[in-house]
């Protein structure tokens, strides 16, 4: 086993919420840009944004549910849950703004 493995696993757990948000951000805005640039059907953009947001929210909710039932969660668990909650707020905010603006104008 590599000596960095004990650090790598908690680091990935803590940064998991931010990684999920970053992937969601790239998927939403890259698809919208590519769809508009290639004269793709603009009606598909809100559906893809909604689907990406639901998937991201489900992953983040699963990350937050790790804390459920723990009387004294470890710091890594607590921090990963807080970062996942902040990422959930960012995903909702991002999806709301992307759905509020008209696509391909």
N, C-alpha and C. Protein backbone atom coordinates (compact mmCIF):
# COMPACT_ATOMS: atom_id res chain seq x y z
N UNK A 1 0.84 -1.17 0.00
CA UNK A 1 0.00 0.00 0.00
C UNK A 1 0.89 1.24 0.00
N UNK A 2 0.49 2.21 -0.75
CA UNK A 2 1.25 3.45 -0.86
C UNK A 2 1.11 4.28 0.41
N UNK A 3 2.14 5.03 0.73
CA UNK A 3 2.12 5.85 1.94
C UNK A 3 1.15 7.01 1.83
N UNK A 4 0.77 7.42 0.61
CA UNK A 4 -0.15 8.54 0.45
C UNK A 4 -1.61 8.13 0.56
N UNK A 5 -1.91 6.85 0.57
CA UNK A 5 -3.29 6.37 0.62
C UNK A 5 -4.03 6.83 1.87
N UNK A 6 -3.42 6.84 3.06
CA UNK A 6 -4.18 7.32 4.22
C UNK A 6 -4.57 8.80 4.11
N UNK A 7 -3.84 9.58 3.35
CA UNK A 7 -4.20 10.98 3.13
C UNK A 7 -5.17 11.13 1.97
N UNK A 8 -5.02 10.31 0.95
CA UNK A 8 -5.78 10.47 -0.28
C UNK A 8 -7.27 10.21 -0.08
N UNK A 9 -7.61 9.18 0.64
CA UNK A 9 -9.03 8.82 0.83
C UNK A 9 -9.80 9.91 1.57
N UNK A 10 -9.32 10.39 2.72
CA UNK A 10 -10.06 11.49 3.38
C UNK A 10 -10.06 12.77 2.55
N UNK A 11 -8.98 13.03 1.83
CA UNK A 11 -8.94 14.24 1.00
C UNK A 11 -9.98 14.18 -0.11
N UNK A 12 -10.15 13.02 -0.72
CA UNK A 12 -11.18 12.86 -1.76
C UNK A 12 -12.58 12.94 -1.17
N UNK A 13 -12.76 12.41 0.03
CA UNK A 13 -14.08 12.50 0.67
C UNK A 13 -14.43 13.94 1.00
N UNK A 14 -13.46 14.70 1.49
CA UNK A 14 -13.73 16.09 1.84
C UNK A 14 -13.97 16.93 0.60
N UNK A 15 -13.21 16.70 -0.44
CA UNK A 15 -13.36 17.51 -1.66
C UNK A 15 -14.41 16.95 -2.62
N UNK A 16 -15.06 15.88 -2.25
CA UNK A 16 -16.05 15.26 -3.14
C UNK A 16 -17.20 16.17 -3.51
N UNK A 17 -17.70 16.95 -2.58
CA UNK A 17 -18.80 17.88 -2.87
C UNK A 17 -18.40 18.94 -3.87
N UNK A 18 -17.20 19.47 -3.69
CA UNK A 18 -16.71 20.48 -4.63
C UNK A 18 -16.46 19.86 -6.01
N UNK A 19 -16.02 18.62 -6.05
CA UNK A 19 -15.81 17.95 -7.33
C UNK A 19 -17.13 17.71 -8.05
N UNK A 20 -18.15 17.31 -7.31
CA UNK A 20 -19.46 17.10 -7.92
C UNK A 20 -19.99 18.42 -8.48
N UNK A 21 -19.85 19.50 -7.71
CA UNK A 21 -20.29 20.80 -8.19
C UNK A 21 -19.52 21.21 -9.44
N UNK A 22 -18.21 20.99 -9.46
CA UNK A 22 -17.40 21.38 -10.61
C UNK A 22 -17.80 20.61 -11.87
N UNK A 23 -18.06 19.33 -11.73
CA UNK A 23 -18.50 18.53 -12.88
C UNK A 23 -19.86 19.04 -13.36
N UNK A 24 -20.76 19.34 -12.44
CA UNK A 24 -22.08 19.87 -12.80
C UNK A 24 -21.93 21.19 -13.54
N UNK A 25 -21.08 22.06 -13.04
CA UNK A 25 -20.85 23.36 -13.66
C UNK A 25 -20.36 23.20 -15.10
N UNK A 26 -19.39 22.33 -15.30
CA UNK A 26 -18.84 22.12 -16.64
C UNK A 26 -19.89 21.51 -17.57
N UNK A 27 -20.63 20.53 -17.09
CA UNK A 27 -21.64 19.88 -17.93
C UNK A 27 -22.71 20.88 -18.35
N UNK A 28 -23.21 21.66 -17.40
CA UNK A 28 -24.30 22.59 -17.71
C UNK A 28 -23.86 23.65 -18.70
N UNK A 29 -22.77 24.31 -18.41
CA UNK A 29 -22.38 25.43 -19.26
C UNK A 29 -21.73 24.98 -20.56
N UNK A 30 -21.01 23.87 -20.55
CA UNK A 30 -20.43 23.38 -21.80
C UNK A 30 -21.53 22.89 -22.74
N UNK A 31 -22.52 22.18 -22.22
CA UNK A 31 -23.60 21.72 -23.08
C UNK A 31 -24.38 22.90 -23.65
N UNK A 32 -24.67 23.88 -22.80
CA UNK A 32 -25.41 25.05 -23.29
C UNK A 32 -24.62 25.79 -24.37
N UNK A 33 -23.33 25.94 -24.17
CA UNK A 33 -22.51 26.63 -25.17
C UNK A 33 -22.42 25.84 -26.46
N UNK A 34 -22.18 24.55 -26.35
CA UNK A 34 -22.08 23.72 -27.56
C UNK A 34 -23.41 23.60 -28.28
N UNK A 35 -24.48 23.53 -27.53
CA UNK A 35 -25.80 23.43 -28.16
C UNK A 35 -26.13 24.69 -28.92
N UNK A 36 -25.79 25.83 -28.35
CA UNK A 36 -26.09 27.09 -29.03
C UNK A 36 -25.15 27.33 -30.21
N UNK A 37 -23.90 26.93 -30.08
CA UNK A 37 -22.94 27.15 -31.15
C UNK A 37 -23.20 26.25 -32.35
N UNK A 38 -23.75 25.08 -32.13
CA UNK A 38 -23.96 24.14 -33.23
C UNK A 38 -25.40 24.15 -33.74
N UNK A 39 -26.16 25.14 -33.33
CA UNK A 39 -27.57 25.25 -33.75
C UNK A 39 -28.38 24.01 -33.36
N UNK A 40 -28.02 23.44 -32.22
CA UNK A 40 -28.75 22.32 -31.65
C UNK A 40 -30.11 22.83 -31.20
N UNK A 41 -31.06 21.96 -31.05
CA UNK A 41 -32.39 22.36 -30.60
C UNK A 41 -32.31 22.97 -29.20
N UNK A 42 -32.64 24.23 -29.08
CA UNK A 42 -32.52 24.96 -27.81
C UNK A 42 -33.50 24.44 -26.77
N UNK A 43 -34.53 23.74 -27.18
CA UNK A 43 -35.49 23.22 -26.20
C UNK A 43 -34.90 22.09 -25.37
N UNK A 44 -33.81 21.48 -25.83
CA UNK A 44 -33.18 20.40 -25.08
C UNK A 44 -32.31 20.92 -23.94
N UNK A 45 -31.87 22.17 -24.03
CA UNK A 45 -30.96 22.71 -23.02
C UNK A 45 -31.57 22.68 -21.62
N UNK A 46 -32.78 23.15 -21.39
CA UNK A 46 -33.33 23.08 -20.02
C UNK A 46 -33.48 21.64 -19.51
N UNK A 47 -33.77 20.71 -20.39
CA UNK A 47 -33.90 19.31 -19.96
C UNK A 47 -32.56 18.74 -19.53
N UNK A 48 -31.51 19.05 -20.25
CA UNK A 48 -30.18 18.56 -19.87
C UNK A 48 -29.73 19.23 -18.56
N UNK A 49 -30.01 20.51 -18.41
CA UNK A 49 -29.67 21.20 -17.17
C UNK A 49 -30.41 20.57 -15.99
N UNK A 50 -31.69 20.29 -16.19
CA UNK A 50 -32.48 19.67 -15.12
C UNK A 50 -31.95 18.28 -14.78
N UNK A 51 -31.65 17.49 -15.79
CA UNK A 51 -31.14 16.14 -15.54
C UNK A 51 -29.80 16.18 -14.82
N UNK A 52 -28.90 17.04 -15.26
CA UNK A 52 -27.59 17.15 -14.61
C UNK A 52 -27.75 17.63 -13.17
N UNK A 53 -28.68 18.52 -12.92
CA UNK A 53 -28.89 19.04 -11.58
C UNK A 53 -29.48 17.98 -10.65
N UNK A 54 -30.39 17.17 -11.18
CA UNK A 54 -30.97 16.09 -10.36
C UNK A 54 -29.91 15.06 -10.00
N UNK A 55 -29.08 14.70 -10.96
CA UNK A 55 -28.01 13.73 -10.68
C UNK A 55 -27.03 14.29 -9.65
N UNK A 56 -26.62 15.54 -9.84
CA UNK A 56 -25.69 16.15 -8.89
C UNK A 56 -26.31 16.26 -7.51
N UNK A 57 -27.58 16.64 -7.43
CA UNK A 57 -28.25 16.76 -6.14
C UNK A 57 -28.37 15.40 -5.45
N UNK A 58 -28.61 14.35 -6.21
CA UNK A 58 -28.70 13.02 -5.62
C UNK A 58 -27.36 12.56 -5.05
N UNK A 59 -26.30 12.82 -5.78
CA UNK A 59 -24.96 12.45 -5.30
C UNK A 59 -24.61 13.24 -4.04
N UNK A 60 -24.91 14.53 -4.06
CA UNK A 60 -24.61 15.37 -2.90
C UNK A 60 -25.48 14.99 -1.70
N UNK A 61 -26.73 14.64 -1.95
CA UNK A 61 -27.60 14.20 -0.85
C UNK A 61 -27.07 12.92 -0.22
N UNK A 62 -26.57 12.03 -1.04
CA UNK A 62 -25.98 10.79 -0.52
C UNK A 62 -24.76 11.10 0.35
N UNK A 63 -23.98 12.06 -0.09
CA UNK A 63 -22.80 12.45 0.70
C UNK A 63 -23.22 13.07 2.03
N UNK A 64 -24.29 13.85 2.03
CA UNK A 64 -24.76 14.47 3.27
C UNK A 64 -25.40 13.46 4.21
N UNK A 65 -25.99 12.41 3.66
CA UNK A 65 -26.67 11.41 4.50
C UNK A 65 -25.70 10.53 5.28
N UNK A 66 -24.43 10.62 4.96
CA UNK A 66 -23.43 9.87 5.75
C UNK A 66 -23.43 10.33 7.20
N UNK A 67 -23.83 11.58 7.43
CA UNK A 67 -23.84 12.12 8.79
C UNK A 67 -25.07 11.70 9.59
N UNK A 68 -26.08 11.22 8.90
CA UNK A 68 -27.34 10.89 9.56
C UNK A 68 -27.15 9.77 10.57
N UNK A 69 -27.59 10.00 11.76
CA UNK A 69 -27.52 8.99 12.81
C UNK A 69 -26.21 8.97 13.57
N UNK A 70 -25.23 9.72 13.12
CA UNK A 70 -23.96 9.75 13.85
C UNK A 70 -24.06 10.74 15.00
N UNK A 71 -23.82 10.25 16.23
CA UNK A 71 -23.91 11.15 17.37
C UNK A 71 -22.69 12.06 17.44
N UNK A 72 -21.53 11.52 17.14
CA UNK A 72 -20.30 12.31 17.13
C UNK A 72 -19.52 11.97 15.86
N UNK A 73 -19.88 12.61 14.74
CA UNK A 73 -19.18 12.28 13.51
C UNK A 73 -17.73 12.75 13.56
N UNK A 74 -16.89 12.03 12.86
CA UNK A 74 -15.49 12.42 12.76
C UNK A 74 -15.41 13.74 11.99
N UNK A 75 -14.31 14.45 12.20
CA UNK A 75 -14.17 15.75 11.56
C UNK A 75 -14.24 15.63 10.04
N UNK A 76 -13.65 14.60 9.49
CA UNK A 76 -13.66 14.42 8.03
C UNK A 76 -15.08 14.21 7.54
N UNK A 77 -15.86 13.42 8.26
CA UNK A 77 -17.26 13.21 7.88
C UNK A 77 -18.06 14.50 7.97
N UNK A 78 -17.86 15.25 9.05
CA UNK A 78 -18.57 16.50 9.24
C UNK A 78 -18.21 17.49 8.15
N UNK A 79 -16.92 17.62 7.87
CA UNK A 79 -16.47 18.57 6.86
C UNK A 79 -16.95 18.18 5.47
N UNK A 80 -16.94 16.90 5.15
CA UNK A 80 -17.44 16.47 3.84
C UNK A 80 -18.94 16.73 3.72
N UNK A 81 -19.67 16.57 4.80
CA UNK A 81 -21.10 16.88 4.78
C UNK A 81 -21.38 18.36 4.60
N UNK A 82 -20.61 19.20 5.27
CA UNK A 82 -20.79 20.65 5.14
C UNK A 82 -20.43 21.11 3.73
N UNK A 83 -19.34 20.61 3.19
CA UNK A 83 -18.95 20.99 1.83
C UNK A 83 -19.98 20.48 0.82
N UNK A 84 -20.53 19.29 1.05
CA UNK A 84 -21.58 18.77 0.16
C UNK A 84 -22.83 19.65 0.26
N UNK A 85 -23.16 20.15 1.45
CA UNK A 85 -24.32 21.03 1.59
C UNK A 85 -24.10 22.36 0.87
N UNK A 86 -22.91 22.90 0.98
CA UNK A 86 -22.59 24.13 0.25
C UNK A 86 -22.61 23.89 -1.25
N UNK A 87 -22.13 22.75 -1.68
CA UNK A 87 -22.17 22.41 -3.10
C UNK A 87 -23.61 22.23 -3.58
N UNK A 88 -24.48 21.71 -2.72
CA UNK A 88 -25.89 21.57 -3.08
C UNK A 88 -26.52 22.94 -3.30
N UNK A 89 -26.19 23.89 -2.45
CA UNK A 89 -26.69 25.26 -2.63
C UNK A 89 -26.18 25.82 -3.95
N UNK A 90 -24.92 25.58 -4.26
CA UNK A 90 -24.34 26.07 -5.51
C UNK A 90 -25.00 25.42 -6.72
N UNK A 91 -25.29 24.13 -6.65
CA UNK A 91 -25.95 23.44 -7.76
C UNK A 91 -27.35 23.99 -7.98
N UNK A 92 -28.09 24.20 -6.90
CA UNK A 92 -29.45 24.75 -7.03
C UNK A 92 -29.40 26.17 -7.59
N UNK A 93 -28.49 26.97 -7.11
CA UNK A 93 -28.36 28.34 -7.58
C UNK A 93 -27.97 28.37 -9.06
N UNK A 94 -27.04 27.52 -9.42
CA UNK A 94 -26.58 27.42 -10.80
C UNK A 94 -27.70 26.95 -11.73
N UNK A 95 -28.44 25.96 -11.31
CA UNK A 95 -29.53 25.44 -12.13
C UNK A 95 -30.64 26.48 -12.27
N UNK A 96 -30.94 27.18 -11.18
CA UNK A 96 -31.99 28.20 -11.25
C UNK A 96 -31.62 29.32 -12.21
N UNK A 97 -30.37 29.75 -12.15
CA UNK A 97 -29.98 30.83 -13.05
C UNK A 97 -29.89 30.34 -14.49
N UNK A 98 -29.45 29.12 -14.70
CA UNK A 98 -29.36 28.59 -16.06
C UNK A 98 -30.75 28.34 -16.66
N UNK A 99 -31.69 27.95 -15.81
CA UNK A 99 -33.06 27.72 -16.32
C UNK A 99 -33.85 29.01 -16.47
N UNK A 100 -33.48 30.05 -15.71
CA UNK A 100 -34.21 31.30 -15.79
C UNK A 100 -33.89 32.09 -17.06
N UNK A 101 -32.66 31.98 -17.52
CA UNK A 101 -32.26 32.71 -18.70
C UNK A 101 -32.64 31.93 -19.96
N UNK A 102 -33.07 32.62 -20.99
CA UNK A 102 -33.41 31.89 -22.22
C UNK A 102 -32.15 31.30 -22.87
N UNK A 103 -32.30 30.13 -23.41
CA UNK A 103 -31.17 29.46 -24.06
C UNK A 103 -31.00 29.96 -25.48
N UNK A 104 -29.79 30.13 -25.88
CA UNK A 104 -29.42 30.45 -27.26
C UNK A 104 -30.09 31.72 -27.78
N UNK A 105 -29.93 32.81 -27.07
CA UNK A 105 -30.49 34.07 -27.57
C UNK A 105 -29.45 34.90 -28.25
